[in-house]
């Protein structure tokens, strides 16, 4: 009976090892697919570009919200109240 328990423990450990190895390989593949820029200035430029994208998206969402406010009755007054509370 003791040997059966040892065999089960070994089987569990082997399964865990395979799972961890698979996860490690996936993580390494992801790291290879997205290399970090070598030049810090390139990183800053990428951040500024992303920041500009976020600002543009926010501007578009606000414009869409204004259009929806005009279409949905009663939403305008609630939106004005919320803006005043900020």
N, C-alpha and C. Protein backbone atom coordinates (compact mmCIF):
# COMPACT_ATOMS: atom_id res chain seq x y z
N UNK A 1 0.84 -1.19 0.00
CA UNK A 1 0.00 0.00 0.00
C UNK A 1 0.88 1.25 0.00
N UNK A 2 1.94 1.22 0.64
CA UNK A 2 2.85 2.36 0.69
C UNK A 2 3.39 2.67 -0.70
N UNK A 3 3.70 1.65 -1.49
CA UNK A 3 4.20 1.85 -2.85
C UNK A 3 3.14 2.51 -3.74
N UNK A 4 1.90 2.16 -3.53
CA UNK A 4 0.82 2.75 -4.32
C UNK A 4 0.71 4.25 -4.03
N UNK A 5 0.86 4.63 -2.78
CA UNK A 5 0.81 6.04 -2.40
C UNK A 5 1.98 6.80 -3.00
N UNK A 6 3.15 6.17 -2.99
CA UNK A 6 4.33 6.81 -3.58
C UNK A 6 4.15 6.98 -5.08
N UNK A 7 3.59 5.96 -5.73
CA UNK A 7 3.33 6.05 -7.17
C UNK A 7 2.35 7.18 -7.49
N UNK A 8 1.31 7.32 -6.67
CA UNK A 8 0.33 8.40 -6.87
C UNK A 8 0.99 9.77 -6.68
N UNK A 9 1.83 9.88 -5.68
CA UNK A 9 2.52 11.15 -5.43
C UNK A 9 3.45 11.48 -6.59
N UNK A 10 4.15 10.48 -7.10
CA UNK A 10 5.03 10.71 -8.25
C UNK A 10 4.22 11.13 -9.47
N UNK A 11 3.08 10.49 -9.69
CA UNK A 11 2.23 10.84 -10.83
C UNK A 11 1.73 12.28 -10.71
N UNK A 12 1.33 12.68 -9.50
CA UNK A 12 0.87 14.07 -9.29
C UNK A 12 2.00 15.05 -9.55
N UNK A 13 3.19 14.73 -9.05
CA UNK A 13 4.33 15.62 -9.26
C UNK A 13 4.70 15.72 -10.74
N UNK A 14 4.63 14.63 -11.46
CA UNK A 14 4.94 14.65 -12.89
C UNK A 14 3.91 15.50 -13.65
N UNK A 15 2.65 15.37 -13.26
CA UNK A 15 1.60 16.18 -13.89
C UNK A 15 1.83 17.66 -13.61
N UNK A 16 2.15 17.98 -12.37
CA UNK A 16 2.43 19.37 -12.01
C UNK A 16 3.64 19.89 -12.76
N UNK A 17 4.67 19.06 -12.90
CA UNK A 17 5.87 19.45 -13.63
C UNK A 17 5.54 19.76 -15.09
N UNK A 18 4.74 18.90 -15.72
CA UNK A 18 4.35 19.14 -17.12
C UNK A 18 3.55 20.42 -17.25
N UNK A 19 2.65 20.66 -16.32
CA UNK A 19 1.83 21.87 -16.34
C UNK A 19 2.71 23.11 -16.20
N UNK A 20 3.62 23.08 -15.25
CA UNK A 20 4.51 24.23 -15.04
C UNK A 20 5.42 24.46 -16.24
N UNK A 21 5.89 23.38 -16.84
CA UNK A 21 6.75 23.50 -18.01
C UNK A 21 5.98 24.13 -19.17
N UNK A 22 4.74 23.71 -19.35
CA UNK A 22 3.90 24.28 -20.41
C UNK A 22 3.66 25.77 -20.17
N UNK A 23 3.37 26.14 -18.93
CA UNK A 23 3.15 27.55 -18.61
C UNK A 23 4.42 28.36 -18.84
N UNK A 24 5.56 27.82 -18.45
CA UNK A 24 6.83 28.51 -18.64
C UNK A 24 7.12 28.71 -20.12
N UNK A 25 6.88 27.69 -20.93
CA UNK A 25 7.11 27.82 -22.37
C UNK A 25 6.19 28.88 -22.98
N UNK A 26 4.94 28.92 -22.52
CA UNK A 26 4.01 29.93 -23.03
C UNK A 26 4.45 31.33 -22.62
N UNK A 27 4.91 31.48 -21.38
CA UNK A 27 5.39 32.78 -20.92
C UNK A 27 6.62 33.23 -21.70
N UNK A 28 7.54 32.30 -21.95
CA UNK A 28 8.73 32.64 -22.72
C UNK A 28 8.38 33.02 -24.15
N UNK A 29 7.43 32.32 -24.74
CA UNK A 29 6.99 32.66 -26.10
C UNK A 29 6.38 34.05 -26.13
N UNK A 30 5.61 34.39 -25.11
CA UNK A 30 5.00 35.73 -25.05
C UNK A 30 6.07 36.80 -24.91
N UNK A 31 7.08 36.53 -24.11
CA UNK A 31 8.17 37.50 -23.95
C UNK A 31 8.94 37.69 -25.24
N UNK A 32 9.15 36.62 -25.97
CA UNK A 32 9.87 36.73 -27.24
C UNK A 32 9.04 37.48 -28.28
N UNK A 33 7.73 37.35 -28.20
CA UNK A 33 6.85 37.98 -29.18
C UNK A 33 6.76 39.49 -28.98
N UNK A 34 6.96 39.97 -27.77
CA UNK A 34 6.84 41.40 -27.49
C UNK A 34 8.13 41.91 -26.87
N UNK A 35 9.13 42.18 -27.68
CA UNK A 35 10.39 42.67 -27.12
C UNK A 35 10.26 44.10 -26.62
N UNK A 36 11.00 44.40 -25.60
CA UNK A 36 11.02 45.75 -25.06
C UNK A 36 11.94 46.62 -25.91
N UNK A 37 11.60 47.89 -26.08
CA UNK A 37 12.49 48.75 -26.85
C UNK A 37 13.81 48.97 -26.10
N UNK A 38 14.89 48.99 -26.87
CA UNK A 38 16.20 49.18 -26.25
C UNK A 38 16.42 50.62 -25.83
N UNK A 39 15.90 51.53 -26.63
CA UNK A 39 16.11 52.95 -26.38
C UNK A 39 15.00 53.49 -25.48
N UNK A 40 15.35 54.08 -24.34
CA UNK A 40 14.32 54.63 -23.46
C UNK A 40 13.48 55.71 -24.14
N UNK A 41 14.09 56.42 -25.09
CA UNK A 41 13.33 57.45 -25.80
C UNK A 41 12.23 56.82 -26.65
N UNK A 42 12.51 55.65 -27.20
CA UNK A 42 11.48 54.96 -27.98
C UNK A 42 10.32 54.56 -27.07
N UNK A 43 10.65 54.15 -25.85
CA UNK A 43 9.62 53.78 -24.89
C UNK A 43 8.76 55.00 -24.55
N UNK A 44 9.41 56.14 -24.33
CA UNK A 44 8.67 57.36 -24.02
C UNK A 44 7.80 57.79 -25.19
N UNK A 45 8.32 57.64 -26.40
CA UNK A 45 7.54 57.99 -27.58
C UNK A 45 6.32 57.09 -27.70
N UNK A 46 6.50 55.81 -27.40
CA UNK A 46 5.37 54.88 -27.44
C UNK A 46 4.33 55.25 -26.39
N UNK A 47 4.79 55.66 -25.20
CA UNK A 47 3.86 56.08 -24.16
C UNK A 47 3.08 57.32 -24.57
N UNK A 48 3.78 58.28 -25.19
CA UNK A 48 3.10 59.49 -25.63
C UNK A 48 2.07 59.18 -26.71
N UNK A 49 2.42 58.28 -27.61
CA UNK A 49 1.48 57.90 -28.67
C UNK A 49 0.26 57.23 -28.06
N UNK A 50 0.47 56.36 -27.09
CA UNK A 50 -0.64 55.67 -26.43
C UNK A 50 -1.50 56.67 -25.67
N UNK A 51 -0.86 57.62 -25.04
CA UNK A 51 -1.59 58.66 -24.31
C UNK A 51 -2.47 59.47 -25.26
N UNK A 52 -1.93 59.79 -26.43
CA UNK A 52 -2.70 60.53 -27.43
C UNK A 52 -3.89 59.70 -27.91
N UNK A 53 -3.69 58.40 -28.08
CA UNK A 53 -4.79 57.53 -28.49
C UNK A 53 -5.89 57.52 -27.43
N UNK A 54 -5.49 57.46 -26.18
CA UNK A 54 -6.47 57.43 -25.10
C UNK A 54 -7.25 58.74 -25.05
N UNK A 55 -6.55 59.86 -25.19
CA UNK A 55 -7.23 61.16 -25.19
C UNK A 55 -8.22 61.27 -26.35
N UNK A 56 -7.81 60.80 -27.53
CA UNK A 56 -8.69 60.85 -28.70
C UNK A 56 -9.92 59.97 -28.47
N UNK A 57 -9.70 58.80 -27.91
CA UNK A 57 -10.82 57.90 -27.64
C UNK A 57 -11.77 58.53 -26.63
N UNK A 58 -11.23 59.19 -25.60
CA UNK A 58 -12.07 59.85 -24.61
C UNK A 58 -12.88 60.97 -25.26
N UNK A 59 -12.24 61.73 -26.16
CA UNK A 59 -12.94 62.81 -26.86
C UNK A 59 -14.10 62.25 -27.68
N UNK A 60 -13.85 61.13 -28.38
CA UNK A 60 -14.91 60.52 -29.19
C UNK A 60 -16.05 60.00 -28.31
N UNK A 61 -15.71 59.39 -27.18
CA UNK A 61 -16.75 58.88 -26.29
C UNK A 61 -17.59 60.01 -25.72
N UNK A 62 -16.94 61.12 -25.39
CA UNK A 62 -17.70 62.26 -24.88
C UNK A 62 -18.64 62.82 -25.95
N UNK A 63 -18.15 62.86 -27.19
CA UNK A 63 -19.00 63.33 -28.29
C UNK A 63 -20.18 62.39 -28.49
N UNK A 64 -19.93 61.09 -28.44
CA UNK A 64 -21.02 60.12 -28.58
C UNK A 64 -22.01 60.26 -27.44
N UNK A 65 -21.51 60.52 -26.25
CA UNK A 65 -22.38 60.69 -25.10
C UNK A 65 -23.29 61.90 -25.28
N UNK A 66 -22.72 63.00 -25.80
CA UNK A 66 -23.54 64.19 -26.04
C UNK A 66 -24.64 63.90 -27.05
N UNK A 67 -24.32 63.12 -28.08
CA UNK A 67 -25.33 62.76 -29.08
C UNK A 67 -26.42 61.92 -28.43
N UNK A 68 -26.03 60.95 -27.62
CA UNK A 68 -27.01 60.11 -26.94
C UNK A 68 -27.86 60.91 -25.97
N UNK A 69 -27.25 61.88 -25.30
CA UNK A 69 -28.00 62.72 -24.37
C UNK A 69 -29.10 63.47 -25.09
N UNK A 70 -28.82 63.93 -26.30
CA UNK A 70 -29.84 64.67 -27.04
C UNK A 70 -30.94 63.75 -27.55
N UNK A 71 -30.62 62.49 -27.78
CA UNK A 71 -31.61 61.55 -28.30
C UNK A 71 -32.51 60.99 -27.21
N UNK A 72 -31.98 60.81 -26.02
CA UNK A 72 -32.74 60.18 -24.95
C UNK A 72 -33.28 61.27 -24.04
N UNK A 73 -34.60 61.34 -23.97
CA UNK A 73 -35.25 62.37 -23.18
C UNK A 73 -34.98 62.13 -21.69
N UNK A 74 -34.69 63.17 -20.97
CA UNK A 74 -34.45 63.07 -19.54
C UNK A 74 -32.99 62.82 -19.19
N UNK A 75 -32.23 62.31 -20.13
CA UNK A 75 -30.83 62.02 -19.84
C UNK A 75 -30.02 63.30 -19.77
N UNK A 76 -30.45 64.32 -20.51
CA UNK A 76 -29.72 65.59 -20.50
C UNK A 76 -29.68 66.20 -19.11
N UNK A 77 -30.82 66.23 -18.45
CA UNK A 77 -30.86 66.85 -17.12
C UNK A 77 -30.03 66.04 -16.13
N UNK A 78 -30.08 64.72 -16.22
CA UNK A 78 -29.27 63.89 -15.32
C UNK A 78 -27.78 64.09 -15.60
N UNK A 79 -27.41 64.20 -16.86
CA UNK A 79 -26.01 64.40 -17.22
C UNK A 79 -25.52 65.75 -16.71
N UNK A 80 -26.35 66.78 -16.84
CA UNK A 80 -25.96 68.10 -16.35
C UNK A 80 -25.77 68.07 -14.84
N UNK A 81 -26.64 67.37 -14.15
CA UNK A 81 -26.52 67.25 -12.70
C UNK A 81 -25.23 66.55 -12.31
N UNK A 82 -24.90 65.47 -13.02
CA UNK A 82 -23.67 64.74 -12.73
C UNK A 82 -22.44 65.59 -13.01
N UNK A 83 -22.47 66.35 -14.11
CA UNK A 83 -21.33 67.21 -14.44
C UNK A 83 -21.16 68.29 -13.38
N UNK A 84 -22.27 68.81 -12.88
CA UNK A 84 -22.20 69.86 -11.87
C UNK A 84 -21.63 69.32 -10.56
N UNK A 85 -21.84 68.04 -10.30
CA UNK A 85 -21.35 67.44 -9.05
C UNK A 85 -19.85 67.21 -9.08
N UNK A 86 -19.24 67.14 -10.25
CA UNK A 86 -17.79 66.87 -10.35
C UNK A 86 -17.01 67.97 -9.79
